Amino acid sequence: MQTIRGEWKASILMALSEAESDIPALQGRLAVADRRVLVRALRELEKDRLVERSAGGTRYSLTSDGSQIIEILGDIARWQRARSKTGT
């Protein structure tokens, strides 16, 4: 849990599951107010080997570990939606 804990990390992983992106594209898709927050989260996710930068260092994509955690995040999102429908 520590690996994905933190501001924007789960959202970044979900966005990268749809397509590899550069920082401006991610910032636009996630409405992250501060670029430094996004860069810090990407660096932490890269350190934890959930995302990787392209050879040029401008685009980010999921690693195989990152792809595996997407399934778990999807399960959590479905659980949360079901929970909110029941009012609990």
PDB file of N, CA and C in Angstrom:
ATOM      1  N   MET A   1       0.819  -1.197   0.000  1.00  0.00           N
ATOM      2  CA  MET A   1       0.000   0.000   0.000  1.00  0.00           C
ATOM      3  C   MET A   1       0.864   1.263   0.000  1.00  0.00           C
ATOM      4  N   GLN A   2       2.028   1.170   0.637  1.00  0.00           N
ATOM      5  CA  GLN A   2       2.902   2.338   0.694  1.00  0.00           C
ATOM      6  C   GLN A   2       3.314   2.791  -0.708  1.00  0.00           C
ATOM      7  N   THR A   3       3.434   1.857  -1.628  1.00  0.00           N
ATOM      8  CA  THR A   3       3.873   2.174  -2.981  1.00  0.00           C
ATOM      9  C   THR A   3       2.902   3.091  -3.702  1.00  0.00           C
ATOM     10  N   ILE A   4       1.607   2.903  -3.492  1.00  0.00           N
ATOM     11  CA  ILE A   4       0.625   3.732  -4.195  1.00  0.00           C
ATOM     12  C   ILE A   4       0.018   4.803  -3.303  1.00  0.00           C
ATOM     13  N   ARG A   5       0.440   4.834  -2.056  1.00  0.00           N
ATOM     14  CA  ARG A   5      -0.050   5.860  -1.141  1.00  0.00           C
ATOM     15  C   ARG A   5       0.567   7.199  -1.531  1.00  0.00           C
ATOM     16  N   GLY A   6      -0.200   8.215  -1.468  1.00  0.00           N
ATOM     17  CA  GLY A   6       0.326   9.540  -1.761  1.00  0.00           C
ATOM     18  C   GLY A   6      -0.546  10.267  -2.760  1.00  0.00           C
ATOM     19  N   GLU A   7      -0.313  11.555  -2.793  1.00  0.00           N
ATOM     20  CA  GLU A   7      -1.115  12.429  -3.627  1.00  0.00           C
ATOM     21  C   GLU A   7      -0.981  12.085  -5.107  1.00  0.00           C
ATOM     22  N   TRP A   8      -2.078  11.801  -5.754  1.00  0.00           N
ATOM     23  CA  TRP A   8      -2.192  11.603  -7.191  1.00  0.00           C
ATOM     24  C   TRP A   8      -1.644  10.277  -7.735  1.00  0.00           C
ATOM     25  N   LYS A   9      -1.006   9.452  -6.929  1.00  0.00           N
ATOM     26  CA  LYS A   9      -0.365   8.259  -7.479  1.00  0.00           C
ATOM     27  C   LYS A   9      -1.359   7.312  -8.158  1.00  0.00           C
ATOM     28  N   ALA A  10      -2.458   6.994  -7.501  1.00  0.00           N
ATOM     29  CA  ALA A  10      -3.439   6.089  -8.100  1.00  0.00           C
ATOM     30  C   ALA A  10      -4.026   6.699  -9.377  1.00  0.00           C
ATOM     31  N   SER A  11      -4.284   7.990  -9.357  1.00  0.00           N
ATOM     32  CA  SER A  11      -4.828   8.661 -10.540  1.00  0.00           C
ATOM     33  C   SER A  11      -3.831   8.648 -11.693  1.00  0.00           C
ATOM     34  N   ILE A  12      -2.561   8.844 -11.384  1.00  0.00           N
ATOM     35  CA  ILE A  12      -1.531   8.806 -12.422  1.00  0.00           C
ATOM     36  C   ILE A  12      -1.453   7.413 -13.033  1.00  0.00           C
ATOM     37  N   LEU A  13      -1.461   6.397 -12.194  1.00  0.00           N
ATOM     38  CA  LEU A  13      -1.403   5.019 -12.709  1.00  0.00           C
ATOM     39  C   LEU A  13      -2.601   4.720 -13.604  1.00  0.00           C
ATOM     40  N   MET A  14      -3.788   5.137 -13.174  1.00  0.00           N
ATOM     41  CA  MET A  14      -4.977   4.894 -13.985  1.00  0.00           C
ATOM     42  C   MET A  14      -4.886   5.634 -15.319  1.00  0.00           C
ATOM     43  N   ALA A  15      -4.398   6.866 -15.305  1.00  0.00           N
ATOM     44  CA  ALA A  15      -4.255   7.629 -16.553  1.00  0.00           C
ATOM     45  C   ALA A  15      -3.242   6.954 -17.478  1.00  0.00           C
ATOM     46  N   LEU A  16      -2.156   6.454 -16.924  1.00  0.00           N
ATOM     47  CA  LEU A  16      -1.146   5.798 -17.757  1.00  0.00           C
ATOM     48  C   LEU A  16      -1.610   4.431 -18.258  1.00  0.00           C
ATOM     49  N   SER A  17      -2.618   3.865 -17.598  1.00  0.00           N
ATOM     50  CA  SER A  17      -3.143   2.584 -18.084  1.00  0.00           C
ATOM     51  C   SER A  17      -3.891   2.765 -19.398  1.00  0.00           C
ATOM     52  N   GLU A  18      -4.356   3.987 -19.657  1.00  0.00           N
ATOM     53  CA  GLU A  18      -5.077   4.285 -20.898  1.00  0.00           C
ATOM     54  C   GLU A  18      -4.120   4.596 -22.042  1.00  0.00           C
ATOM     55  N   ALA A  19      -3.005   5.271 -21.730  1.00  0.00           N
ATOM     56  CA  ALA A  19      -2.021   5.610 -22.761  1.00  0.00           C
ATOM     57  C   ALA A  19      -0.783   6.195 -22.106  1.00  0.00           C
ATOM     58  N   GLU A  20       0.369   5.952 -22.727  1.00  0.00           N
ATOM     59  CA  GLU A  20       1.574   6.606 -22.220  1.00  0.00           C
ATOM     60  C   GLU A  20       1.434   8.101 -22.439  1.00  0.00           C
ATOM     61  N   SER A  21       2.049   8.880 -21.563  1.00  0.00           N
ATOM     62  CA  SER A  21       1.854  10.329 -21.613  1.00  0.00           C
ATOM     63  C   SER A  21       3.107  11.074 -21.187  1.00  0.00           C
ATOM     64  N   ASP A  22       3.147  12.334 -21.567  1.00  0.00           N
ATOM     65  CA  ASP A  22       4.181  13.221 -21.047  1.00  0.00           C
ATOM     66  C   ASP A  22       3.570  14.026 -19.903  1.00  0.00           C
ATOM     67  N   ILE A  23       4.387  14.803 -19.239  1.00  0.00           N
ATOM     68  CA  ILE A  23       3.917  15.542 -18.064  1.00  0.00           C
ATOM     69  C   ILE A  23       2.804  16.536 -18.403  1.00  0.00           C
ATOM     70  N   PRO A  24       2.936  17.365 -19.464  1.00  0.00           N
ATOM     71  CA  PRO A  24       1.834  18.295 -19.753  1.00  0.00           C
ATOM     72  C   PRO A  24       0.499  17.588 -20.022  1.00  0.00           C
ATOM     73  N   ALA A  25       0.544  16.460 -20.734  1.00  0.00           N
ATOM     74  CA  ALA A  25      -0.694  15.723 -21.018  1.00  0.00           C
ATOM     75  C   ALA A  25      -1.293  15.160 -19.730  1.00  0.00           C
ATOM     76  N   LEU A  26      -0.456  14.609 -18.868  1.00  0.00           N
ATOM     77  CA  LEU A  26      -0.952  14.101 -17.585  1.00  0.00           C
ATOM     78  C   LEU A  26      -1.529  15.221 -16.740  1.00  0.00           C
ATOM     79  N   GLN A  27      -0.839  16.334 -16.718  1.00  0.00           N
ATOM     80  CA  GLN A  27      -1.305  17.461 -15.932  1.00  0.00           C
ATOM     81  C   GLN A  27      -2.670  17.945 -16.423  1.00  0.00           C
ATOM     82  N   GLY A  28      -2.863  17.967 -17.717  1.00  0.00           N
ATOM     83  CA  GLY A  28      -4.151  18.366 -18.266  1.00  0.00           C
ATOM     84  C   GLY A  28      -5.253  17.372 -17.974  1.00  0.00           C
ATOM     85  N   ARG A  29      -4.935  16.087 -18.055  1.00  0.00           N
ATOM     86  CA  ARG A  29      -5.942  15.054 -17.818  1.00  0.00           C
ATOM     87  C   ARG A  29      -6.333  14.945 -16.352  1.00  0.00           C
ATOM     88  N   LEU A  30      -5.386  15.229 -15.471  1.00  0.00           N
ATOM     89  CA  LEU A  30      -5.641  15.051 -14.045  1.00  0.00           C
ATOM     90  C   LEU A  30      -5.963  16.346 -13.326  1.00  0.00           C
ATOM     91  N   ALA A  31      -5.845  17.446 -14.007  1.00  0.00           N
ATOM     92  CA  ALA A  31      -6.089  18.767 -13.415  1.00  0.00           C
ATOM     93  C   ALA A  31      -5.246  18.972 -12.162  1.00  0.00           C
ATOM     94  N   VAL A  32      -4.007  18.505 -12.220  1.00  0.00           N
ATOM     95  CA  VAL A  32      -3.078  18.692 -11.109  1.00  0.00           C
ATOM     96  C   VAL A  32      -2.683  20.162 -11.084  1.00  0.00           C
ATOM     97  N   ALA A  33      -2.928  20.800  -9.974  1.00  0.00           N
ATOM     98  CA  ALA A  33      -2.670  22.230  -9.887  1.00  0.00           C
ATOM     99  C   ALA A  33      -1.179  22.547  -9.922  1.00  0.00           C
ATOM    100  N   ASP A  34      -0.360  21.700  -9.342  1.00  0.00           N
ATOM    101  CA  ASP A  34       1.050  21.996  -9.215  1.00  0.00           C
ATOM    102  C   ASP A  34       1.889  20.958  -9.956  1.00  0.00           C
ATOM    103  N   ARG A  35       2.648  21.406 -10.910  1.00  0.00           N
ATOM    104  CA  ARG A  35       3.508  20.510 -11.698  1.00  0.00           C
ATOM    105  C   ARG A  35       4.516  19.787 -10.799  1.00  0.00           C
ATOM    106  N   ARG A  36       5.008  20.470  -9.765  1.00  0.00           N
ATOM    107  CA  ARG A  36       5.982  19.843  -8.866  1.00  0.00           C
ATOM    108  C   ARG A  36       5.395  18.616  -8.175  1.00  0.00           C
ATOM    109  N   VAL A  37       4.127  18.673  -7.818  1.00  0.00           N
ATOM    110  CA  VAL A  37       3.467  17.533  -7.175  1.00  0.00           C
ATOM    111  C   VAL A  37       3.432  16.352  -8.135  1.00  0.00           C
ATOM    112  N   LEU A  38       3.079  16.610  -9.378  1.00  0.00           N
ATOM    113  CA  LEU A  38       3.024  15.559 -10.394  1.00  0.00           C
ATOM    114  C   LEU A  38       4.401  14.962 -10.637  1.00  0.00           C
ATOM    115  N   VAL A  39       5.405  15.796 -10.797  1.00  0.00           N
ATOM    116  CA  VAL A  39       6.771  15.315 -11.053  1.00  0.00           C
ATOM    117  C   VAL A  39       7.271  14.480  -9.874  1.00  0.00           C
ATOM    118  N   ARG A  40       7.004  14.951  -8.662  1.00  0.00           N
ATOM    119  CA  ARG A  40       7.433  14.201  -7.475  1.00  0.00           C
ATOM    120  C   ARG A  40       6.770  12.823  -7.437  1.00  0.00           C
ATOM    121  N   ALA A  41       5.469  12.778  -7.708  1.00  0.00           N
ATOM    122  CA  ALA A  41       4.754  11.496  -7.697  1.00  0.00           C
ATOM    123  C   ALA A  41       5.283  10.574  -8.791  1.00  0.00           C
ATOM    124  N   LEU A  42       5.544  11.109  -9.981  1.00  0.00           N
ATOM    125  CA  LEU A  42       6.091  10.288 -11.062  1.00  0.00           C
ATOM    126  C   LEU A  42       7.460   9.737 -10.697  1.00  0.00           C
ATOM    127  N   ARG A  43       8.288  10.540 -10.080  1.00  0.00           N
ATOM    128  CA  ARG A  43       9.620  10.068  -9.663  1.00  0.00           C
ATOM    129  C   ARG A  43       9.514   8.960  -8.634  1.00  0.00           C
ATOM    130  N   GLU A  44       8.576   9.095  -7.688  1.00  0.00           N
ATOM    131  CA  GLU A  44       8.382   8.055  -6.682  1.00  0.00           C
ATOM    132  C   GLU A  44       7.860   6.773  -7.318  1.00  0.00           C
ATOM    133  N   LEU A  45       6.927   6.906  -8.256  1.00  0.00           N
ATOM    134  CA  LEU A  45       6.400   5.732  -8.950  1.00  0.00           C
ATOM    135  C   LEU A  45       7.486   5.077  -9.795  1.00  0.00           C
ATOM    136  N   GLU A  46       8.365   5.881 -10.372  1.00  0.00           N
ATOM    137  CA  GLU A  46       9.479   5.336 -11.149  1.00  0.00           C
ATOM    138  C   GLU A  46      10.459   4.605 -10.220  1.00  0.00           C
ATOM    139  N   LYS A  47      10.743   5.188  -9.076  1.00  0.00           N
ATOM    140  CA  LYS A  47      11.630   4.557  -8.099  1.00  0.00           C
ATOM    141  C   LYS A  47      11.066   3.216  -7.635  1.00  0.00           C
ATOM    142  N   ASP A  48       9.745   3.151  -7.490  1.00  0.00           N
ATOM    143  CA  ASP A  48       9.073   1.917  -7.068  1.00  0.00           C
ATOM    144  C   ASP A  48       8.829   0.952  -8.230  1.00  0.00           C
ATOM    145  N   ARG A  49       9.305   1.323  -9.405  1.00  0.00           N
ATOM    146  CA  ARG A  49       9.247   0.491 -10.617  1.00  0.00           C
ATOM    147  C   ARG A  49       7.813   0.203 -11.089  1.00  0.00           C
ATOM    148  N   LEU A  50       6.925   1.193 -10.894  1.00  0.00           N
ATOM    149  CA  LEU A  50       5.561   1.067 -11.412  1.00  0.00           C
ATOM    150  C   LEU A  50       5.398   1.816 -12.722  1.00  0.00           C
ATOM    151  N   VAL A  51       6.230   2.834 -12.943  1.00  0.00           N
ATOM    152  CA  VAL A  51       6.242   3.553 -14.220  1.00  0.00           C
ATOM    153  C   VAL A  51       7.691   3.663 -14.691  1.00  0.00           C
ATOM    154  N   GLU A  52       7.835   3.904 -15.992  1.00  0.00           N
ATOM    155  CA  GLU A  52       9.163   4.112 -16.558  1.00  0.00           C
ATOM    156  C   GLU A  52       9.106   5.261 -17.542  1.00  0.00           C
ATOM    157  N   ARG A  53      10.246   5.949 -17.658  1.00  0.00           N
ATOM    158  CA  ARG A  53      10.368   7.036 -18.624  1.00  0.00           C
ATOM    159  C   ARG A  53      10.929   6.491 -19.917  1.00  0.00           C
ATOM    160  N   SER A  54      10.525   7.099 -21.019  1.00  0.00           N
ATOM    161  CA  SER A  54      11.058   6.715 -22.325  1.00  0.00           C
ATOM    162  C   SER A  54      12.535   7.072 -22.383  1.00  0.00           C
ATOM    163  N   ALA A  55      13.205   6.556 -23.392  1.00  0.00           N
ATOM    164  CA  ALA A  55      14.644   6.793 -23.559  1.00  0.00           C
ATOM    165  C   ALA A  55      14.962   8.285 -23.583  1.00  0.00           C
ATOM    166  N   GLY A  56      14.102   9.084 -24.212  1.00  0.00           N
ATOM    167  CA  GLY A  56      14.293  10.528 -24.249  1.00  0.00           C
ATOM    168  C   GLY A  56      13.924  11.212 -22.948  1.00  0.00           C
ATOM    169  N   GLY A  57      13.269  10.478 -22.055  1.00  0.00           N
ATOM    170  CA  GLY A  57      12.901  11.003 -20.753  1.00  0.00           C
ATOM    171  C   GLY A  57      11.703  11.920 -20.750  1.00  0.00           C
ATOM    172  N   THR A  58      10.912  11.889 -21.817  1.00  0.00           N
ATOM    173  CA  THR A  58       9.794  12.825 -21.881  1.00  0.00           C
ATOM    174  C   THR A  58       8.431  12.160 -21.724  1.00  0.00           C
ATOM    175  N   ARG A  59       8.348  10.852 -21.924  1.00  0.00           N
ATOM    176  CA  ARG A  59       7.062  10.158 -21.844  1.00  0.00           C
ATOM    177  C   ARG A  59       7.132   9.075 -20.768  1.00  0.00           C
ATOM    178  N   TYR A  60       5.995   8.884 -20.119  1.00  0.00           N
ATOM    179  CA  TYR A  60       5.906   7.887 -19.055  1.00  0.00           C
ATOM    180  C   TYR A  60       4.926   6.797 -19.473  1.00  0.00           C
ATOM    181  N   SER A  61       5.226   5.571 -19.042  1.00  0.00           N
ATOM    182  CA  SER A  61       4.333   4.446 -19.287  1.00  0.00           C
ATOM    183  C   SER A  61       4.417   3.501 -18.089  1.00  0.00           C
ATOM    184  N   LEU A  62       3.464   2.590 -18.018  1.00  0.00           N
ATOM    185  CA  LEU A  62       3.449   1.611 -16.941  1.00  0.00           C
ATOM    186  C   LEU A  62       4.477   0.518 -17.192  1.00  0.00           C
ATOM    187  N   THR A  63       5.063   0.009 -16.129  1.00  0.00           N
ATOM    188  CA  THR A  63       5.885  -1.189 -16.206  1.00  0.00           C
ATOM    189  C   THR A  63       4.943  -2.386 -16.068  1.00  0.00           C
ATOM    190  N   SER A  64       5.490  -3.589 -16.105  1.00  0.00           N
ATOM    191  CA  SER A  64       4.632  -4.764 -15.914  1.00  0.00           C
ATOM    192  C   SER A  64       4.054  -4.771 -14.502  1.00  0.00           C
ATOM    193  N   ASP A  65       4.828  -4.340 -13.503  1.00  0.00           N
ATOM    194  CA  ASP A  65       4.281  -4.237 -12.141  1.00  0.00           C
ATOM    195  C   ASP A  65       3.176  -3.196 -12.079  1.00  0.00           C
ATOM    196  N   GLY A  66       3.368  -2.080 -12.773  1.00  0.00           N
ATOM    197  CA  GLY A  66       2.344  -1.043 -12.818  1.00  0.00           C
ATOM    198  C   GLY A  66       1.059  -1.547 -13.454  1.00  0.00           C
ATOM    199  N   SER A  67       1.204  -2.329 -14.509  1.00  0.00           N
ATOM    200  CA  SER A  67       0.020  -2.896 -15.172  1.00  0.00           C
ATOM    201  C   SER A  67      -0.727  -3.851 -14.256  1.00  0.00           C
ATOM    202  N   GLN A  68       0.015  -4.604 -13.462  1.00  0.00           N
ATOM    203  CA  GLN A  68      -0.631  -5.546 -12.549  1.00  0.00           C
ATOM    204  C   GLN A  68      -1.428  -4.828 -11.464  1.00  0.00           C
ATOM    205  N   ILE A  69      -0.913  -3.712 -10.996  1.00  0.00           N
ATOM    206  CA  ILE A  69      -1.617  -2.998  -9.920  1.00  0.00           C
ATOM    207  C   ILE A  69      -2.881  -2.315 -10.427  1.00  0.00           C
ATOM    208  N   ILE A  70      -2.967  -2.081 -11.729  1.00  0.00           N
ATOM    209  CA  ILE A  70      -4.177  -1.473 -12.305  1.00  0.00           C
ATOM    210  C   ILE A  70      -5.395  -2.340 -12.034  1.00  0.00           C
ATOM    211  N   GLU A  71      -5.231  -3.645 -12.119  1.00  0.00           N
ATOM    212  CA  GLU A  71      -6.355  -4.553 -11.837  1.00  0.00           C
ATOM    213  C   GLU A  71      -6.845  -4.363 -10.399  1.00  0.00           C
ATOM    214  N   ILE A  72      -5.908  -4.230  -9.481  1.00  0.00           N
ATOM    215  CA  ILE A  72      -6.259  -4.041  -8.075  1.00  0.00           C
ATOM    216  C   ILE A  72      -6.952  -2.697  -7.875  1.00  0.00           C
ATOM    217  N   LEU A  73      -6.419  -1.655  -8.486  1.00  0.00           N
ATOM    218  CA  LEU A  73      -7.044  -0.333  -8.379  1.00  0.00           C
ATOM    219  C   LEU A  73      -8.449  -0.335  -8.976  1.00  0.00           C
ATOM    220  N   GLY A  74      -8.635  -1.073 -10.073  1.00  0.00           N
ATOM    221  CA  GLY A  74      -9.966  -1.200 -10.667  1.00  0.00           C
ATOM    222  C   GLY A  74     -10.938  -1.873  -9.714  1.00  0.00           C
ATOM    223  N   ASP A  75     -10.467  -2.913  -9.028  1.00  0.00           N
ATOM    224  CA  ASP A  75     -11.308  -3.593  -8.036  1.00  0.00           C
ATOM    225  C   ASP A  75     -11.695  -2.647  -6.903  1.00  0.00           C
ATOM    226  N   ILE A  76     -10.746  -1.851  -6.454  1.00  0.00           N
ATOM    227  CA  ILE A  76     -11.027  -0.890  -5.379  1.00  0.00           C
ATOM    228  C   ILE A  76     -12.040   0.156  -5.847  1.00  0.00           C
ATOM    229  N   ALA A  77     -11.889   0.635  -7.071  1.00  0.00           N
ATOM    230  CA  ALA A  77     -12.825   1.629  -7.609  1.00  0.00           C
ATOM    231  C   ALA A  77     -14.234   1.046  -7.715  1.00  0.00           C
ATOM    232  N   ARG A  78     -14.342  -0.207  -8.180  1.00  0.00           N
ATOM    233  CA  ARG A  78     -15.657  -0.848  -8.265  1.00  0.00           C
ATOM    234  C   ARG A  78     -16.271  -1.031  -6.881  1.00  0.00           C
ATOM    235  N   TRP A  79     -15.454  -1.429  -5.929  1.00  0.00           N
ATOM    236  CA  TRP A  79     -15.928  -1.581  -4.551  1.00  0.00           C
ATOM    237  C   TRP A  79     -16.442  -0.247  -4.022  1.00  0.00           C
ATOM    238  N   GLN A  80     -15.701   0.819  -4.265  1.00  0.00           N
ATOM    239  CA  GLN A  80     -16.107   2.149  -3.776  1.00  0.00           C
ATOM    240  C   GLN A  80     -17.421   2.604  -4.409  1.00  0.00           C
ATOM    241  N   ARG A  81     -17.575   2.364  -5.734  1.00  0.00           N
ATOM    242  CA  ARG A  81     -18.832   2.743  -6.399  1.00  0.00           C
ATOM    243  C   ARG A  81     -20.005   1.965  -5.820  1.00  0.00           C
ATOM    244  N   ALA A  82     -19.824   0.664  -5.610  1.00  0.00           N
ATOM    245  CA  ALA A  82     -20.894  -0.156  -5.048  1.00  0.00           C
ATOM    246  C   ALA A  82     -21.228   0.284  -3.629  1.00  0.00           C
ATOM    247  N   ARG A  83     -20.230   0.618  -2.894  1.00  0.00           N
ATOM    248  CA  ARG A  83     -20.410   1.072  -1.513  1.00  0.00           C
ATOM    249  C   ARG A  83     -21.159   2.390  -1.452  1.00  0.00           C
ATOM    250  N   SER A  84     -20.829   3.287  -2.367  1.00  0.00           N
ATOM    251  CA  SER A  84     -21.500   4.591  -2.347  1.00  0.00           C
ATOM    252  C   SER A  84     -22.960   4.471  -2.791  1.00  0.00           C
ATOM    253  N   LYS A  85     -23.277   3.480  -3.612  1.00  0.00           N
ATOM    254  CA  LYS A  85     -24.674   3.280  -4.032  1.00  0.00           C
ATOM    255  C   LYS A  85     -25.531   2.782  -2.883  1.00  0.00           C
ATOM    256  N   THR A  86     -24.911   2.025  -1.962  1.00  0.00           N
ATOM    257  CA  THR A  86     -25.675   1.500  -0.831  1.00  0.00           C
ATOM    258  C   THR A  86     -25.724   2.475   0.332  1.00  0.00           C
ATOM    259  N   GLY A  87     -24.981   3.566   0.213  1.00  0.00           N
ATOM    260  CA  GLY A  87     -25.014   4.597   1.242  1.00  0.00           C
ATOM    261  C   GLY A  87     -24.177   4.274   2.471  1.00  0.00           C
ATOM    262  N   THR A  88     -23.256   3.339   2.342  1.00  0.00           N
ATOM    263  CA  THR A  88     -22.400   3.025   3.495  1.00  0.00           C
ATOM    264  C   THR A  88     -21.019   3.574   3.332  1.00  0.00           C
TER     265      THR A  88
END
